[in-house]
C-alpha atoms as a PDB file:
ATOM      1  CA  UNK A   1     119.716 108.230 104.368  1.00  0.00           C
ATOM      2  CA  UNK A   2     122.389 105.969 105.824  1.00  0.00           C
ATOM      3  CA  UNK A   3     122.461 106.005 109.614  1.00  0.00           C
ATOM      4  CA  UNK A   4     125.399 107.976 110.985  1.00  0.00           C
ATOM      5  CA  UNK A   5     125.919 109.919 107.754  1.00  0.00           C
ATOM      6  CA  UNK A   6     125.583 113.695 108.015  1.00  0.00           C
ATOM      7  CA  UNK A   7     122.539 115.247 106.383  1.00  0.00           C
ATOM      8  CA  UNK A   8     123.539 117.086 103.180  1.00  0.00           C
ATOM      9  CA  UNK A   9     123.127 120.844 103.165  1.00  0.00           C
ATOM     10  CA  UNK A  10     119.653 121.323 101.695  1.00  0.00           C
ATOM     11  CA  UNK A  11     118.645 124.792 100.622  1.00  0.00           C
ATOM     12  CA  UNK A  12     115.255 125.944  99.447  1.00  0.00           C
ATOM     13  CA  UNK A  13     114.780 125.466  95.729  1.00  0.00           C
ATOM     14  CA  UNK A  14     115.690 128.391  93.515  1.00  0.00           C
ATOM     15  CA  UNK A  15     113.099 130.530  91.768  1.00  0.00           C
ATOM     16  CA  UNK A  16     114.202 128.952  88.499  1.00  0.00           C
ATOM     17  CA  UNK A  17     113.681 125.455  89.891  1.00  0.00           C
ATOM     18  CA  UNK A  18     110.264 126.491  91.154  1.00  0.00           C
ATOM     19  CA  UNK A  19     109.287 127.848  87.752  1.00  0.00           C
ATOM     20  CA  UNK A  20     110.627 124.720  86.049  1.00  0.00           C
ATOM     21  CA  UNK A  21     108.701 122.478  88.446  1.00  0.00           C
ATOM     22  CA  UNK A  22     105.372 124.194  87.759  1.00  0.00           C
ATOM     23  CA  UNK A  23     106.009 124.276  84.023  1.00  0.00           C
ATOM     24  CA  UNK A  24     106.766 120.545  84.081  1.00  0.00           C
ATOM     25  CA  UNK A  25     103.544 119.899  86.018  1.00  0.00           C
ATOM     26  CA  UNK A  26     101.566 121.989  83.540  1.00  0.00           C
ATOM     27  CA  UNK A  27     103.065 120.247  80.515  1.00  0.00           C
ATOM     28  CA  UNK A  28     102.603 116.781  81.966  1.00  0.00           C
ATOM     29  CA  UNK A  29      98.979 117.546  82.849  1.00  0.00           C
ATOM     30  CA  UNK A  30      98.316 118.812  79.330  1.00  0.00           C
ATOM     31  CA  UNK A  31      99.975 115.743  77.784  1.00  0.00           C
ATOM     32  CA  UNK A  32      97.973 113.350  79.950  1.00  0.00           C
ATOM     33  CA  UNK A  33      94.739 115.174  79.137  1.00  0.00           C
ATOM     34  CA  UNK A  34      95.525 115.172  75.416  1.00  0.00           C
ATOM     35  CA  UNK A  35      96.210 111.429  75.590  1.00  0.00           C
ATOM     36  CA  UNK A  36      92.778 110.909  77.168  1.00  0.00           C
ATOM     37  CA  UNK A  37      93.901 110.041  80.695  1.00  0.00           C
ATOM     38  CA  UNK A  38      91.967 111.632  83.505  1.00  0.00           C
ATOM     39  CA  UNK A  39      92.995 110.975  87.100  1.00  0.00           C
ATOM     40  CA  UNK A  40      90.599 108.059  87.510  1.00  0.00           C
ATOM     41  CA  UNK A  41      91.710 106.284  84.362  1.00  0.00           C
ATOM     42  CA  UNK A  42      95.433 106.915  84.740  1.00  0.00           C
ATOM     43  CA  UNK A  43      97.016 103.477  84.329  1.00  0.00           C
ATOM     44  CA  UNK A  44      99.690 103.869  87.001  1.00  0.00           C
ATOM     45  CA  UNK A  45      97.300 104.993  89.701  1.00  0.00           C
ATOM     46  CA  UNK A  46      96.657 101.421  90.781  1.00  0.00           C
ATOM     47  CA  UNK A  47     100.345 100.539  90.603  1.00  0.00           C
ATOM     48  CA  UNK A  48     101.790 103.392  92.635  1.00  0.00           C
ATOM     49  CA  UNK A  49     102.110 102.610  96.329  1.00  0.00           C
ATOM     50  CA  UNK A  50     101.808 105.915  98.179  1.00  0.00           C
ATOM     51  CA  UNK A  51     101.041 105.458 101.870  1.00  0.00           C
ATOM     52  CA  UNK A  52      98.380 107.653 103.399  1.00  0.00           C
ATOM     53  CA  UNK A  53      99.305 110.208 106.028  1.00  0.00           C
ATOM     54  CA  UNK A  54      97.151 112.535 108.093  1.00  0.00           C
ATOM     55  CA  UNK A  55      97.657 115.458 105.734  1.00  0.00           C
ATOM     56  CA  UNK A  56      96.514 113.372 102.771  1.00  0.00           C
ATOM     57  CA  UNK A  57      93.392 112.238 104.635  1.00  0.00           C
ATOM     58  CA  UNK A  58      92.707 115.887 105.474  1.00  0.00           C
ATOM     59  CA  UNK A  59      93.337 117.168 101.956  1.00  0.00           C
ATOM     60  CA  UNK A  60      91.854 114.411  99.800  1.00  0.00           C
ATOM     61  CA  UNK A  61      89.088 112.873 101.908  1.00  0.00           C
ATOM     62  CA  UNK A  62      87.876 115.279 104.593  1.00  0.00           C
ATOM     63  CA  UNK A  63      88.161 118.714 102.946  1.00  0.00           C
ATOM     64  CA  UNK A  64      86.342 117.854  99.693  1.00  0.00           C
ATOM     65  CA  UNK A  65      83.373 116.485 101.661  1.00  0.00           C
ATOM     66  CA  UNK A  66      83.510 119.412 104.090  1.00  0.00           C
ATOM     67  CA  UNK A  67      83.419 121.976 101.298  1.00  0.00           C
ATOM     68  CA  UNK A  68      80.427 120.342  99.615  1.00  0.00           C
ATOM     69  CA  UNK A  69      78.491 119.864 102.843  1.00  0.00           C
ATOM     70  CA  UNK A  70      79.247 123.198 104.509  1.00  0.00           C
ATOM     71  CA  UNK A  71      80.887 125.515 101.943  1.00  0.00           C
ATOM     72  CA  UNK A  72      83.542 126.103 104.626  1.00  0.00           C
ATOM     73  CA  UNK A  73      87.124 125.890 103.389  1.00  0.00           C
ATOM     74  CA  UNK A  74      88.931 125.448 106.692  1.00  0.00           C
ATOM     75  CA  UNK A  75      88.365 123.012 109.541  1.00  0.00           C
ATOM     76  CA  UNK A  76      88.798 125.977 111.878  1.00  0.00           C
ATOM     77  CA  UNK A  77      85.395 127.209 110.679  1.00  0.00           C
ATOM     78  CA  UNK A  78      83.513 124.036 111.630  1.00  0.00           C
ATOM     79  CA  UNK A  79      81.106 123.690 114.511  1.00  0.00           C
ATOM     80  CA  UNK A  80      80.508 120.491 116.460  1.00  0.00           C
ATOM     81  CA  UNK A  81      77.518 119.470 114.353  1.00  0.00           C
ATOM     82  CA  UNK A  82      79.501 119.971 111.127  1.00  0.00           C
ATOM     83  CA  UNK A  83      82.309 117.753 112.380  1.00  0.00           C
ATOM     84  CA  UNK A  84      79.964 114.932 113.297  1.00  0.00           C
ATOM     85  CA  UNK A  85      78.027 115.098 110.034  1.00  0.00           C
ATOM     86  CA  UNK A  86      81.163 115.181 107.885  1.00  0.00           C
ATOM     87  CA  UNK A  87      82.676 112.294 109.836  1.00  0.00           C
ATOM     88  CA  UNK A  88      79.549 110.190 109.267  1.00  0.00           C
ATOM     89  CA  UNK A  89      79.645 110.794 105.505  1.00  0.00           C
ATOM     90  CA  UNK A  90      83.387 110.188 105.148  1.00  0.00           C
ATOM     91  CA  UNK A  91      83.388 107.120 107.380  1.00  0.00           C
ATOM     92  CA  UNK A  92      80.343 105.580 105.666  1.00  0.00           C
ATOM     93  CA  UNK A  93      81.806 106.090 102.191  1.00  0.00           C
ATOM     94  CA  UNK A  94      85.228 104.718 103.125  1.00  0.00           C
ATOM     95  CA  UNK A  95      83.612 101.729 104.843  1.00  0.00           C
ATOM     96  CA  UNK A  96      81.412 100.990 101.829  1.00  0.00           C
ATOM     97  CA  UNK A  97      84.219 101.284  99.296  1.00  0.00           C
ATOM     98  CA  UNK A  98      87.122  99.739 101.213  1.00  0.00           C
ATOM     99  CA  UNK A  99      85.717  97.903 104.212  1.00  0.00           C
ATOM    100  CA  UNK A 100      87.766 100.183 106.483  1.00  0.00           C
ATOM    101  CA  UNK A 101      85.941 101.971 109.284  1.00  0.00           C
ATOM    102  CA  UNK A 102      87.554 103.998 112.044  1.00  0.00           C
ATOM    103  CA  UNK A 103      85.597 105.126 115.081  1.00  0.00           C
ATOM    104  CA  UNK A 104      85.722 108.774 116.051  1.00  0.00           C
ATOM    105  CA  UNK A 105      88.217 109.134 118.938  1.00  0.00           C
ATOM    106  CA  UNK A 106      86.641 109.109 122.378  1.00  0.00           C
ATOM    107  CA  UNK A 107      87.717 111.336 125.254  1.00  0.00           C
ATOM    108  CA  UNK A 108      89.364 108.251 126.777  1.00  0.00           C
ATOM    109  CA  UNK A 109      91.414 107.507 123.686  1.00  0.00           C
ATOM    110  CA  UNK A 110      92.460 111.163 123.444  1.00  0.00           C
ATOM    111  CA  UNK A 111      93.750 111.179 127.025  1.00  0.00           C
ATOM    112  CA  UNK A 112      95.506 107.843 126.457  1.00  0.00           C
ATOM    113  CA  UNK A 113      97.184 109.229 123.353  1.00  0.00           C
ATOM    114  CA  UNK A 114      98.566 112.174 125.335  1.00  0.00           C
ATOM    115  CA  UNK A 115     100.324 109.977 127.899  1.00  0.00           C
END
């Protein structure tokens, strides 16, 4: 969006657009499967630059591990032990596969982040 330009009037998609979107997704998924491409072997996966955000980390890294380790679907169901154990597994795997490791936030860093 160009700075200073008014935001166009954006309405929620229509029911027809919603149906078309899901039909497209279904057909594309079927076509990719029929062509022998699963998600891991999809040739564009490596070439698409999609930055991570907190929701993606939650949805694609944390929740799958959480569900396997605890059978709990929501983070609101976790206890303090669950959180620590899931963090250790996620952090270890990410560190081993990417070299990236992020420490669990301390009380100090939480209070600093709220300033």
